[in-house]
Amino acid sequence: MLRAYANDPLLRRFLNLFESADVIRPDESAVPSQSRPSPARRLLVIHNPTAGRGERRRLAEILNALRKEAVQVELQATASAGDAERVARDCGSDIDLLVVAGGDGTINEAINGLMTREGVSVPALGIVPIGTTNVLSRDLRIPKQAEALAQLLAHGRTRDIHVGRANGRYFALMCGVGMDAHIVDRTSLRLKKRIGKLAYVFQGLRELVSGVPRRYLVEIDGSERVEAASVIVAKSRFYGGEFLLAPKADLGKPEFQVCLFLRGGRLSTLLYIIGMGIGHLDRVPGYRIVAAQHVRIIGHDGDPAQLDGDCRGCLPLEIGLGERPLSVIAP
């Protein structure tokens, strides 16, 4: 019966609505189909081909969901650290949305690539939360369900967020100095791949036992000076994915929430950890939050600094806001 109506223009137009979007790889030439609608949005998806089986399965589900939307998708695999930054910096101006299928570290690379683009249009950033930590996607309320995420990426609106910059490197979540940064710096990459976030817990216990005292001088907006045992300059409310660190932090505001851990030592550190774990860090003695737009941290030159969960720099630090906002796809 369908054959009898195969040449009916109205039926053909109806069936075309259910045609899938083209998925194009960088080394393949796409042959446009006359029967398919023009894509409303062109996506470049950065992904790690060596990711775990579960992560690959999740990405496949989202790509299948995207095929139902009127978009064109290009896949770009990463091979080593820095590839995501290079792709984000060098991708063509015809790309509407740069999608990162990965964790906060890979997203950080892409953000640095996007923020350093000069003289060309800058695509918006989209996120497929895959990886060890996904703090940014949590703060942006990115949906996890494949169909909802595909609809967001294909048709969702953009919003501007303000990123930070520490010694020339951009970050979207936080810049940490002190125990926080030493844990990130000394966590075994091999152990992290095997057990995920638990690797940070084990290294944190080692740091707690060692109890090496540290003090840093923090200059806030060029006026106030404070000594602290650890410092986290936050753009996001969350830490480690689910722990509330800075309740007033807002990605859309051009300011930081400077989280000061004023007291050092094992007991105070343990109290900070417990306070964060139960959601009442603000009630722990020696914890203070200050709003700022510029922060300078000195002391223990060469000590590591963590940006968005990876060590990418060292003291002394000059921390300010990015020169312009970054557009992201978010509900």
Protein backbone atom coordinates (compact mmCIF):
# COMPACT_ATOMS: atom_id res chain seq x y z
CA MET A 1 0.00 0.00 0.00
CA LEU A 2 2.88 2.36 0.78
CA ARG A 3 4.27 1.75 -2.67
CA ALA A 4 1.14 3.23 -4.16
CA TYR A 5 1.87 6.50 -2.38
CA ALA A 6 5.63 6.42 -2.73
CA ASN A 7 5.62 9.34 -5.15
CA ASP A 8 3.17 11.44 -3.17
CA PRO A 9 4.98 14.74 -2.28
CA LEU A 10 3.17 15.20 1.02
CA LEU A 11 4.00 11.69 2.23
CA ARG A 12 7.63 12.06 1.19
CA ARG A 13 7.88 15.35 3.10
CA PHE A 14 6.42 13.68 6.19
CA LEU A 15 8.87 10.78 6.03
CA ASN A 16 11.78 13.19 5.59
CA LEU A 17 11.08 14.57 9.05
CA PHE A 18 12.26 11.27 10.49
CA GLU A 19 15.46 11.04 8.50
CA SER A 20 18.55 10.96 10.71
CA ALA A 21 21.18 13.68 10.88
CA ASP A 22 24.46 13.08 9.06
CA VAL A 23 27.38 11.97 11.23
CA ILE A 24 30.59 12.99 9.46
CA ARG A 25 34.13 12.17 10.44
CA PRO A 26 36.90 14.67 9.71
CA ASP A 27 38.58 12.39 7.15
CA GLU A 28 35.35 11.60 5.24
CA SER A 29 33.58 13.69 2.62
CA ALA A 30 29.88 14.12 3.14
CA VAL A 31 27.51 13.81 0.21
CA PRO A 32 24.53 16.05 0.92
CA SER A 33 21.12 14.52 0.41
CA GLN A 34 18.52 16.54 -1.45
CA SER A 35 15.71 14.89 0.52
CA ARG A 36 16.91 15.97 3.98
CA PRO A 37 16.27 19.31 5.64
CA SER A 38 19.18 21.69 6.04
CA PRO A 39 20.78 21.22 9.47
CA ALA A 40 19.82 23.88 11.97
CA ARG A 41 23.06 23.49 13.91
CA ARG A 42 26.45 21.97 13.07
CA LEU A 43 28.15 20.16 15.96
CA LEU A 44 31.78 19.15 16.40
CA VAL A 45 32.03 16.47 19.09
CA ILE A 46 35.40 15.94 20.79
CA HIS A 47 35.73 12.48 22.33
CA ASN A 48 38.32 10.06 23.65
CA PRO A 49 38.30 6.82 21.59
CA THR A 50 40.07 4.91 24.39
CA ALA A 51 37.43 5.76 27.02
CA GLY A 52 35.90 2.96 29.05
CA ARG A 53 33.18 0.71 27.69
CA GLY A 54 30.46 2.43 29.71
CA GLU A 55 31.53 5.88 28.50
CA ARG A 56 31.62 4.74 24.87
CA ARG A 57 28.16 3.20 25.25
CA ARG A 58 26.78 6.44 26.70
CA LEU A 59 28.26 8.52 23.89
CA ALA A 60 26.78 6.12 21.33
CA GLU A 61 23.33 6.53 22.91
CA ILE A 62 23.58 10.32 22.70
CA LEU A 63 24.80 10.21 19.08
CA ASN A 64 21.86 7.95 18.22
CA ALA A 65 19.53 10.45 19.86
CA LEU A 66 21.17 13.30 17.91
CA ARG A 67 20.46 11.45 14.66
CA LYS A 68 16.78 12.10 15.32
CA GLU A 69 17.38 15.85 15.43
CA ALA A 70 17.95 18.20 12.49
CA VAL A 71 21.66 18.64 13.13
CA GLN A 72 24.92 17.74 11.47
CA VAL A 73 27.51 16.03 13.67
CA GLU A 74 31.25 15.74 13.12
CA LEU A 75 33.38 13.55 15.38
CA GLN A 76 36.92 14.46 16.41
CA ALA A 77 38.91 11.92 18.43
CA THR A 78 41.66 12.98 20.83
CA ALA A 79 44.93 11.09 21.07
CA SER A 80 46.82 12.91 23.82
CA ALA A 81 46.68 15.75 26.33
CA GLY A 82 46.23 19.12 24.64
CA ASP A 83 44.32 17.79 21.63
CA ALA A 84 40.98 19.15 22.86
CA GLU A 85 42.51 22.61 23.29
CA ARG A 86 44.00 22.53 19.80
CA VAL A 87 40.75 21.39 18.19
CA ALA A 88 38.74 24.08 20.00
CA ARG A 89 41.22 26.76 18.97
CA ASP A 90 41.52 25.71 15.32
CA CYS A 91 38.06 24.40 14.36
CA GLY A 92 36.37 26.12 11.43
CA SER A 93 34.05 29.09 11.69
CA ASP A 94 31.24 26.96 10.24
CA ILE A 95 30.98 25.05 13.55
CA ASP A 96 28.05 26.32 15.63
CA LEU A 97 28.61 24.19 18.73
CA LEU A 98 31.76 22.56 20.09
CA VAL A 99 30.66 19.58 22.18
CA VAL A 100 33.04 17.98 24.68
CA ALA A 101 32.26 14.38 25.59
CA GLY A 102 34.46 14.09 28.66
CA GLY A 103 35.18 15.23 32.18
CA ASP A 104 36.14 18.59 33.62
CA GLY A 105 39.80 18.25 32.58
CA THR A 106 38.94 17.83 28.90
CA ILE A 107 36.35 20.61 29.14
CA ASN A 108 39.05 22.87 30.62
CA GLU A 109 41.25 22.20 27.60
CA ALA A 110 38.42 23.09 25.23
CA ILE A 111 37.62 26.28 27.14
CA ASN A 112 41.24 27.39 26.85
CA GLY A 113 41.11 26.75 23.12
CA LEU A 114 37.88 28.71 22.70
CA MET A 115 39.04 31.64 24.84
CA THR A 116 42.26 32.06 22.84
CA ARG A 117 40.58 32.18 19.42
CA GLU A 118 41.34 35.45 17.65
CA GLY A 119 39.82 37.02 14.59
CA VAL A 120 37.24 34.25 14.02
CA SER A 121 33.79 33.45 15.31
CA VAL A 122 33.70 31.47 18.54
CA PRO A 123 31.32 28.50 18.70
CA ALA A 124 29.29 27.88 21.83
CA LEU A 125 30.34 25.10 24.20
CA GLY A 126 28.22 21.99 24.70
CA ILE A 127 28.85 19.24 27.24
CA VAL A 128 28.28 15.50 27.28
CA PRO A 129 29.21 14.61 30.88
CA ILE A 130 31.55 11.62 30.68
CA GLY A 131 34.62 11.06 32.83
CA THR A 132 35.84 11.02 36.43
CA THR A 133 34.36 14.35 37.49
CA ASN A 134 31.59 16.46 35.92
CA VAL A 135 31.25 19.46 38.21
CA LEU A 136 30.56 21.97 35.44
CA SER A 137 27.70 19.94 33.98
CA ARG A 138 26.17 19.61 37.44
CA ASP A 139 26.34 23.34 38.08
CA LEU A 140 24.85 24.06 34.63
CA ARG A 141 22.13 21.43 35.23
CA ILE A 142 22.97 19.54 32.05
CA PRO A 143 20.51 16.61 31.69
CA LYS A 144 21.90 13.08 31.82
CA GLN A 145 19.15 11.32 29.88
CA ALA A 146 20.25 10.81 26.26
CA GLU A 147 17.13 12.13 24.49
CA ALA A 148 16.89 15.23 26.70
CA LEU A 149 20.60 15.97 26.25
CA ALA A 150 20.38 15.52 22.48
CA GLN A 151 17.46 17.93 22.28
CA LEU A 152 19.39 20.47 24.37
CA LEU A 153 22.47 20.23 22.16
CA ALA A 154 20.42 20.42 18.96
CA HIS A 155 17.98 23.16 19.87
CA GLY A 156 18.88 24.60 23.28
CA ARG A 157 19.66 28.23 23.89
CA THR A 158 23.02 29.65 24.86
CA ARG A 159 23.90 31.46 28.07
CA ASP A 160 27.05 33.34 28.99
CA ILE A 161 29.35 32.29 31.80
CA HIS A 162 32.38 34.16 33.13
CA VAL A 163 35.54 32.09 33.44
CA GLY A 164 38.63 32.82 35.52
CA ARG A 165 42.24 33.14 34.44
CA ALA A 166 45.26 32.16 36.55
CA ASN A 167 48.70 33.08 35.22
CA GLY A 168 47.27 33.11 31.70
CA ARG A 169 45.38 29.81 31.92
CA TYR A 170 41.58 29.80 31.98
CA PHE A 171 39.34 27.86 34.36
CA ALA A 172 35.58 27.51 34.70
CA LEU A 173 35.25 25.92 38.15
CA MET A 174 38.04 26.80 40.54
CA CYS A 175 41.70 27.47 41.16
CA GLY A 176 43.04 25.79 44.29
CA VAL A 177 46.23 26.18 46.32
CA GLY A 178 47.35 24.23 49.40
CA MET A 179 46.23 20.78 50.46
CA ASP A 180 43.67 20.66 47.67
CA ALA A 181 46.30 21.23 44.98
CA HIS A 182 48.81 18.84 46.58
CA ILE A 183 46.21 16.06 46.55
CA VAL A 184 45.50 16.62 42.86
CA ASP A 185 49.21 16.88 42.04
CA ARG A 186 50.17 13.66 43.84
CA THR A 187 47.22 11.42 42.96
CA SER A 188 48.34 8.49 40.85
CA LEU A 189 46.94 8.67 37.32
CA ARG A 190 46.97 4.88 37.12
CA LEU A 191 44.98 4.60 40.34
CA LYS A 192 42.60 7.32 39.15
CA LYS A 193 41.84 5.33 36.00
CA ARG A 194 41.18 2.22 38.07
CA ILE A 195 39.02 3.52 40.91
CA GLY A 196 38.00 7.04 39.84
CA LYS A 197 37.31 9.59 42.58
CA LEU A 198 38.42 7.20 45.34
CA ALA A 199 42.00 7.82 44.24
CA TYR A 200 41.68 11.38 45.52
CA VAL A 201 40.33 10.10 48.84
CA PHE A 202 43.35 7.83 49.34
CA GLN A 203 45.78 10.62 48.50
CA GLY A 204 43.87 12.98 50.78
CA LEU A 205 44.36 10.56 53.68
CA ARG A 206 48.09 10.49 52.97
CA GLU A 207 48.23 14.29 52.96
CA LEU A 208 46.25 14.38 56.20
CA VAL A 209 48.65 11.97 57.90
CA SER A 210 51.74 13.82 56.69
CA GLY A 211 50.34 17.10 58.04
CA VAL A 212 52.91 19.36 56.35
CA PRO A 213 52.14 22.94 57.52
CA ARG A 214 51.66 25.56 54.81
CA ARG A 215 50.73 29.22 54.91
CA TYR A 216 49.85 31.45 51.97
CA LEU A 217 49.35 35.20 51.67
CA VAL A 218 46.17 36.05 49.78
CA GLU A 219 45.63 39.56 48.41
CA ILE A 220 41.97 40.26 47.57
CA ASP A 221 41.09 43.01 45.08
CA GLY A 222 44.32 44.81 45.88
CA SER A 223 43.16 45.87 49.34
CA GLU A 224 42.65 43.08 51.88
CA ARG A 225 45.45 40.67 52.80
CA VAL A 226 44.74 37.36 54.54
CA GLU A 227 46.90 34.42 55.59
CA ALA A 228 45.43 30.96 54.96
CA ALA A 229 46.45 27.31 55.03
CA SER A 230 44.56 26.57 51.79
CA VAL A 231 42.69 28.67 49.23
CA ILE A 232 40.12 27.83 46.58
CA VAL A 233 39.11 30.64 44.22
CA ALA A 234 35.71 29.37 43.09
CA LYS A 235 33.52 30.10 40.08
CA SER A 236 31.28 27.08 40.72
CA ARG A 237 29.20 26.30 43.79
CA PHE A 238 30.32 22.67 43.86
CA TYR A 239 33.50 20.79 44.66
CA GLY A 240 34.26 17.21 43.67
CA GLY A 241 30.95 16.87 41.86
CA GLU A 242 28.46 16.97 44.71
CA PHE A 243 29.85 18.86 47.70
CA LEU A 244 28.68 22.43 48.24
CA LEU A 245 31.71 24.67 48.55
CA ALA A 246 30.57 28.22 47.77
CA PRO A 247 26.76 28.60 47.92
CA LYS A 248 26.81 32.12 46.43
CA ALA A 249 29.07 31.30 43.50
CA ASP A 250 27.43 31.98 40.14
CA LEU A 251 28.94 31.02 36.80
CA GLY A 252 27.00 33.85 35.17
CA LYS A 253 28.43 36.58 37.42
CA PRO A 254 31.78 38.31 36.77
CA GLU A 255 33.18 37.57 40.23
CA PHE A 256 34.84 34.88 42.32
CA GLN A 257 34.01 33.44 45.69
CA VAL A 258 37.37 33.20 47.48
CA CYS A 259 37.18 30.27 49.93
CA LEU A 260 39.73 30.72 52.71
CA PHE A 261 40.72 27.82 54.95
CA LEU A 262 42.34 29.95 57.63
CA ARG A 263 43.44 27.22 60.03
CA GLY A 264 45.96 24.51 59.27
CA GLY A 265 46.80 21.23 60.99
CA ARG A 266 45.23 17.79 61.00
CA LEU A 267 42.29 18.59 63.28
CA SER A 268 41.17 21.67 61.35
CA THR A 269 41.62 19.90 58.03
CA LEU A 270 39.54 16.97 59.28
CA LEU A 271 36.81 19.37 60.42
CA TYR A 272 36.79 21.04 56.99
CA ILE A 273 36.37 17.64 55.31
CA ILE A 274 33.55 16.63 57.64
CA GLY A 275 31.85 20.01 57.26
CA MET A 276 31.92 19.75 53.49
CA GLY A 277 30.73 16.15 53.61
CA ILE A 278 27.63 17.00 55.65
CA GLY A 279 26.91 20.22 53.77
CA HIS A 280 27.78 22.65 56.57
CA LEU A 281 31.26 23.82 55.71
CA ASP A 282 30.16 27.39 56.41
CA ARG A 283 29.71 26.50 60.09
CA VAL A 284 33.25 25.20 60.57
CA PRO A 285 35.52 27.59 62.53
CA GLY A 286 38.27 29.07 60.37
CA TYR A 287 36.34 28.91 57.07
CA ARG A 288 35.57 32.21 55.34
CA ILE A 289 34.27 33.25 51.90
CA VAL A 290 34.97 36.63 50.27
CA ALA A 291 33.65 37.89 46.92
CA ALA A 292 36.35 39.30 44.62
CA GLN A 293 37.35 39.97 41.03
CA HIS A 294 41.11 39.80 41.40
CA VAL A 295 43.19 37.58 43.68
CA ARG A 296 46.94 37.30 44.17
CA ILE A 297 48.43 34.36 46.08
CA ILE A 298 52.07 34.18 47.16
CA GLY A 299 54.16 31.97 49.44
CA HIS A 300 55.95 28.66 48.84
CA ASP A 301 56.97 29.58 45.29
CA GLY A 302 56.69 26.56 43.04
CA ASP A 303 53.83 24.97 44.99
CA PRO A 304 51.28 23.46 42.59
CA ALA A 305 47.97 25.09 41.68
CA GLN A 306 45.01 23.05 40.48
CA LEU A 307 42.63 24.39 37.85
CA ASP A 308 39.37 22.52 37.29
CA GLY A 309 40.78 19.37 38.87
CA ASP A 310 44.18 19.22 37.16
CA CYS A 311 47.50 20.78 38.17
CA ARG A 312 48.26 23.47 35.61
CA GLY A 313 50.60 25.99 37.15
CA CYS A 314 52.35 26.98 40.34
CA LEU A 315 52.80 29.84 42.77
CA PRO A 316 52.90 32.80 42.72
CA LEU A 317 49.45 33.26 41.15
CA GLU A 318 47.68 36.21 39.58
CA ILE A 319 43.99 35.37 39.23
CA GLY A 320 41.47 37.48 37.35
CA LEU A 321 38.42 37.14 35.12
CA GLY A 322 38.51 36.22 31.45
CA GLU A 323 38.49 39.08 28.95
CA ARG A 324 35.05 38.10 27.63
CA PRO A 325 32.20 35.75 28.53
CA LEU A 326 31.97 32.24 27.12
CA SER A 327 28.73 31.01 25.53
CA VAL A 328 27.50 27.59 26.65
CA ILE A 329 24.44 25.49 25.86
CA ALA A 330 22.51 24.97 29.09
CA PRO A 331 18.90 24.77 30.26
